[in-house]
Amino acid sequence: MIGIIGAGNMGMAIASRIKGKVLLSDKNKRISDNSSVAEGSDIIILAVKPQDIRDVLKEIRPYAGKKLIISIAAGVTTLSIEKALGPKARVIRVMPNMPAMVAKGISAISRGRFSGSNDLRTAFRIFSGLGEVIEVKEKMMDAVTSVSGSGPGYYFLFTHLLARAARANGFGKGLAMKLAKATFIGAAELARQSDLSMEELVKKVASKGGTTEAALKVFRQEKLEAIIKKAVKAAAHRSLSLHSDNVKV
């Protein structure tokens, strides 16, 4: 039996992709309590916000035992969960992203000190229903969070800004957004199917002296790459500051 503590967007996305019955609890919804879910589950998925993890771990500690604990709480290390739940807690840490809600996400997985290869396979099996899955060393999780975890937000913002630029060029709101969405979705699918690198694809669309080249020149002049690097670094730093070791879970 799989239990999910936290019935927010990601918790519900995970639940929707699991075959069979799932136990759910959430502090804001009138469904099973955390202790009942922990007691009745073989696998406990912690789909709660980092600031809520401390109280949740205290609640489930009496029931965790040798059960597999999978946490998707950003910035919460496997070590801190192991310390909170007791000796040799089997912990897997996962960083999924928002497109998991439509089974198009990518999830990065790291093992704790006491989780085994079977535990890793279990986590892969669960999260493969939400999209792609990769294994990374836990020290890379803050970087993962800043790229794929936060990345959908960057995409949504850029789509919004492109649509606003289209409106500034005379398009109505609806058509501007349709153009922006369709352009990015189509470009993403082309990139997925192509064997070319991103740089090669840029060259294909940006003919010399053309319109795309004129736009790209502005991006270079305004140091877009430096802005993106700074933003991703800020997200990684924020993830690091959330580490439960630092807040003594």
Protein backbone atom coordinates (compact mmCIF):
# COMPACT_ATOMS: atom_id res chain seq x y z
CA MET A 1 0.00 0.00 0.00
CA ILE A 2 1.24 3.48 -0.92
CA GLY A 3 0.39 6.42 1.30
CA ILE A 4 0.77 10.04 0.24
CA ILE A 5 0.97 12.79 2.83
CA GLY A 6 0.10 16.04 1.11
CA ALA A 7 -2.76 16.20 -1.38
CA GLY A 8 -1.65 19.30 -3.25
CA ASN A 9 -1.00 19.48 -6.98
CA MET A 10 2.01 17.17 -6.95
CA GLY A 11 0.60 14.77 -4.39
CA MET A 12 -2.57 14.37 -6.44
CA ALA A 13 -0.56 14.01 -9.66
CA ILE A 14 1.38 11.13 -8.11
CA ALA A 15 -1.81 9.55 -6.78
CA SER A 16 -3.48 9.72 -10.19
CA ARG A 17 -0.68 7.68 -11.77
CA ILE A 18 -0.56 4.90 -9.20
CA LYS A 19 -2.55 1.80 -10.02
CA GLY A 20 -4.63 0.54 -7.14
CA LYS A 21 -5.75 2.11 -3.89
CA VAL A 22 -3.76 4.98 -2.40
CA LEU A 23 -4.05 6.41 1.12
CA LEU A 24 -4.07 10.21 1.24
CA SER A 25 -3.82 12.81 3.96
CA ASP A 26 -3.66 16.60 3.86
CA LYS A 27 -3.79 19.22 6.59
CA ASN A 28 -6.17 21.39 4.56
CA LYS A 29 -8.61 18.67 3.49
CA ARG A 30 -10.95 16.41 5.43
CA ILE A 31 -9.36 13.12 4.57
CA SER A 32 -7.24 10.59 6.51
CA ASP A 33 -4.78 11.95 9.08
CA ASN A 34 -1.01 11.57 8.67
CA SER A 35 -0.63 8.94 11.37
CA SER A 36 -3.29 6.69 9.85
CA VAL A 37 -1.71 6.96 6.41
CA ALA A 38 1.75 6.18 7.77
CA GLU A 39 0.49 3.22 9.79
CA GLY A 40 -1.43 1.70 6.88
CA SER A 41 1.21 2.12 4.18
CA ASP A 42 4.28 0.17 3.09
CA ILE A 43 5.57 3.16 1.12
CA ILE A 44 5.09 6.69 2.45
CA ILE A 45 5.42 9.59 0.02
CA LEU A 46 5.97 12.96 1.68
CA ALA A 47 4.48 15.52 -0.71
CA VAL A 48 4.49 18.44 1.70
CA LYS A 49 6.11 21.85 1.72
CA PRO A 50 9.56 22.13 3.35
CA GLN A 51 8.21 24.26 6.17
CA ASP A 52 5.74 21.51 7.07
CA ILE A 53 8.15 18.57 6.99
CA ARG A 54 9.29 18.88 10.62
CA ASP A 55 5.82 18.36 12.10
CA VAL A 56 4.96 15.60 9.63
CA LEU A 57 8.09 13.61 10.48
CA LYS A 58 7.28 13.84 14.19
CA GLU A 59 3.78 12.49 13.48
CA ILE A 60 4.86 9.54 11.37
CA ARG A 61 7.97 8.52 13.32
CA PRO A 62 6.15 5.89 15.45
CA TYR A 63 4.86 4.21 12.29
CA ALA A 64 7.78 4.63 9.88
CA GLY A 65 9.76 1.61 11.04
CA LYS A 66 11.37 -0.13 8.09
CA LYS A 67 8.96 1.35 5.56
CA LEU A 68 10.24 3.12 2.45
CA ILE A 69 10.04 6.89 2.78
CA ILE A 70 10.00 8.95 -0.42
CA SER A 71 10.22 12.73 -0.01
CA ILE A 72 9.62 15.37 -2.66
CA ALA A 73 10.04 18.29 -0.24
CA ALA A 74 12.42 20.80 -1.81
CA GLY A 75 15.68 21.34 0.07
CA VAL A 76 15.04 18.58 2.62
CA THR A 77 17.97 16.19 2.71
CA THR A 78 17.79 12.44 3.14
CA LEU A 79 20.14 12.76 6.12
CA SER A 80 17.76 15.07 7.97
CA ILE A 81 14.84 12.69 7.38
CA GLU A 82 16.92 9.74 8.54
CA LYS A 83 17.81 11.60 11.72
CA ALA A 84 14.18 12.53 12.36
CA LEU A 85 12.75 9.05 11.77
CA GLY A 86 15.32 6.99 13.62
CA PRO A 87 17.98 4.36 12.94
CA LYS A 88 18.43 3.15 9.39
CA ALA A 89 15.35 4.83 7.92
CA ARG A 90 15.08 3.93 4.22
CA VAL A 91 14.77 7.27 2.44
CA ILE A 92 14.60 8.25 -1.22
CA ARG A 93 14.59 11.92 -2.22
CA VAL A 94 12.85 13.00 -5.42
CA MET A 95 12.59 16.34 -7.19
CA PRO A 96 9.74 16.17 -9.74
CA ASN A 97 8.45 19.18 -11.63
CA MET A 98 5.08 20.66 -12.52
CA PRO A 99 4.63 18.98 -15.95
CA ALA A 100 4.30 15.74 -13.96
CA MET A 101 0.66 16.79 -13.67
CA VAL A 102 0.24 15.86 -17.34
CA ALA A 103 2.76 12.97 -17.27
CA LYS A 104 5.37 15.08 -19.07
CA GLY A 105 7.62 15.84 -16.14
CA ILE A 106 11.15 14.87 -15.25
CA SER A 107 12.04 13.64 -11.78
CA ALA A 108 15.52 13.43 -10.28
CA ILE A 109 16.08 10.74 -7.64
CA SER A 110 18.73 10.35 -4.93
CA ARG A 111 19.18 7.53 -2.44
CA GLY A 112 19.67 7.91 1.27
CA ARG A 113 22.31 5.97 3.22
CA PHE A 114 20.10 3.00 4.05
CA SER A 115 17.91 2.65 0.94
CA GLY A 116 18.79 -0.20 -1.40
CA SER A 117 18.61 -0.91 -5.11
CA ASN A 118 15.09 -2.33 -4.74
CA ASP A 119 14.00 0.92 -3.11
CA LEU A 120 15.49 2.87 -5.99
CA ARG A 121 13.65 0.69 -8.51
CA THR A 122 10.41 1.23 -6.62
CA ALA A 123 10.84 5.00 -6.76
CA PHE A 124 11.69 4.82 -10.47
CA ARG A 125 8.56 2.77 -11.10
CA ILE A 126 6.32 5.22 -9.26
CA PHE A 127 7.70 8.38 -10.84
CA SER A 128 8.08 6.99 -14.36
CA GLY A 129 4.31 7.33 -14.52
CA LEU A 130 4.82 11.08 -14.32
CA GLY A 131 7.42 11.36 -17.10
CA GLU A 132 11.16 10.82 -17.30
CA VAL A 133 13.26 9.79 -14.30
CA ILE A 134 16.98 10.24 -13.70
CA GLU A 135 19.27 9.37 -10.79
CA VAL A 136 21.64 12.03 -9.47
CA LYS A 137 23.98 12.39 -6.51
CA GLU A 138 22.19 14.21 -3.71
CA LYS A 139 24.73 17.03 -3.74
CA MET A 140 23.28 17.97 -7.16
CA MET A 141 19.69 18.25 -5.93
CA ASP A 142 19.84 22.01 -5.33
CA ALA A 143 21.01 22.46 -8.93
CA VAL A 144 18.25 20.13 -10.14
CA THR A 145 15.71 22.18 -8.22
CA SER A 146 16.94 25.40 -9.82
CA VAL A 147 16.83 23.98 -13.37
CA SER A 148 14.04 21.43 -13.83
CA GLY A 149 12.18 22.02 -10.57
CA SER A 150 11.81 25.77 -11.08
CA GLY A 151 12.24 25.66 -14.86
CA PRO A 152 8.53 25.48 -15.75
CA GLY A 153 8.11 28.84 -14.05
CA TYR A 154 10.76 30.32 -16.32
CA TYR A 155 8.99 28.89 -19.35
CA PHE A 156 5.60 30.25 -18.26
CA LEU A 157 7.12 33.68 -17.66
CA PHE A 158 8.86 33.76 -21.05
CA THR A 159 5.63 32.68 -22.75
CA HIS A 160 3.78 35.46 -20.94
CA LEU A 161 6.39 38.03 -21.94
CA LEU A 162 6.40 36.91 -25.58
CA ALA A 163 2.61 37.21 -25.65
CA ARG A 164 2.86 40.72 -24.19
CA ALA A 165 5.41 41.64 -26.85
CA ALA A 166 3.01 40.31 -29.49
CA ARG A 167 0.25 42.51 -28.07
CA ALA A 168 2.60 45.49 -28.24
CA ASN A 169 2.90 44.72 -31.94
CA GLY A 170 -0.84 44.90 -32.49
CA PHE A 171 -2.24 41.44 -31.69
CA GLY A 172 -5.25 40.94 -29.47
CA LYS A 173 -4.74 39.20 -26.10
CA GLY A 174 -6.13 35.82 -27.14
CA LEU A 175 -4.27 35.58 -30.42
CA ALA A 176 -1.04 36.83 -28.86
CA MET A 177 -1.14 34.06 -26.25
CA LYS A 178 -2.07 31.45 -28.85
CA LEU A 179 0.94 32.42 -30.95
CA ALA A 180 3.29 32.34 -27.96
CA LYS A 181 2.06 28.98 -26.60
CA ALA A 182 1.99 27.24 -29.97
CA THR A 183 5.45 28.51 -30.85
CA PHE A 184 7.09 27.19 -27.69
CA ILE A 185 5.20 23.90 -27.68
CA GLY A 186 6.09 23.30 -31.32
CA ALA A 187 9.73 24.27 -30.79
CA ALA A 188 9.96 21.92 -27.79
CA GLU A 189 8.59 19.01 -29.80
CA LEU A 190 10.95 19.75 -32.67
CA ALA A 191 13.88 19.81 -30.23
CA ARG A 192 12.72 16.51 -28.73
CA GLN A 193 12.60 14.79 -32.10
CA SER A 194 15.75 16.35 -33.56
CA ASP A 195 19.27 14.97 -33.33
CA LEU A 196 20.67 18.49 -33.62
CA SER A 197 22.01 20.43 -30.65
CA MET A 198 20.19 23.52 -29.43
CA GLU A 199 22.92 25.72 -30.89
CA GLU A 200 22.50 24.04 -34.28
CA LEU A 201 18.74 24.53 -34.15
CA VAL A 202 19.26 28.21 -33.34
CA LYS A 203 21.43 28.53 -36.45
CA LYS A 204 18.76 26.84 -38.56
CA VAL A 205 16.07 29.32 -37.59
CA ALA A 206 18.35 32.38 -37.51
CA SER A 207 19.37 33.03 -41.09
CA LYS A 208 22.07 35.65 -41.62
CA GLY A 209 20.64 39.16 -41.76
CA GLY A 210 17.17 37.88 -40.89
CA THR A 211 14.55 38.73 -38.28
CA THR A 212 15.54 36.07 -35.76
CA GLU A 213 19.16 37.16 -35.91
CA ALA A 214 18.07 40.71 -35.15
CA ALA A 215 16.20 39.51 -32.04
CA LEU A 216 19.07 37.28 -30.90
CA LYS A 217 21.45 40.22 -31.21
CA VAL A 218 19.34 42.12 -28.68
CA PHE A 219 19.40 39.13 -26.32
CA ARG A 220 23.19 39.08 -26.53
CA GLN A 221 23.51 42.83 -26.05
CA GLU A 222 21.25 42.71 -22.98
CA LYS A 223 23.26 39.75 -21.63
CA LEU A 224 20.31 37.35 -21.45
CA GLU A 225 22.60 34.40 -20.73
CA ALA A 226 24.08 36.15 -17.70
CA ILE A 227 20.59 36.99 -16.43
CA ILE A 228 19.49 33.35 -16.75
CA LYS A 229 22.62 32.09 -14.98
CA LYS A 230 22.05 34.59 -12.17
CA ALA A 231 18.41 33.54 -11.81
CA VAL A 232 19.22 29.82 -11.72
CA LYS A 233 21.98 30.44 -9.19
CA ALA A 234 19.50 32.34 -7.00
CA ALA A 235 17.06 29.43 -7.14
CA ALA A 236 19.82 26.96 -6.21
CA HIS A 237 20.90 29.17 -3.32
CA ARG A 238 17.33 29.34 -2.07
CA SER A 239 17.06 25.55 -2.24
CA LEU A 240 20.26 25.29 -0.23
CA SER A 241 18.88 27.65 2.41
CA LEU A 242 15.86 25.36 2.82
CA HIS A 243 18.00 22.41 3.89
CA SER A 244 16.40 20.85 6.90
CA ASP A 245 19.85 20.36 8.44
CA ASN A 246 20.01 24.12 8.75
CA VAL A 247 16.60 24.36 10.47
CA LYS A 248 17.16 21.34 12.68
CA VAL A 249 14.34 19.06 11.62
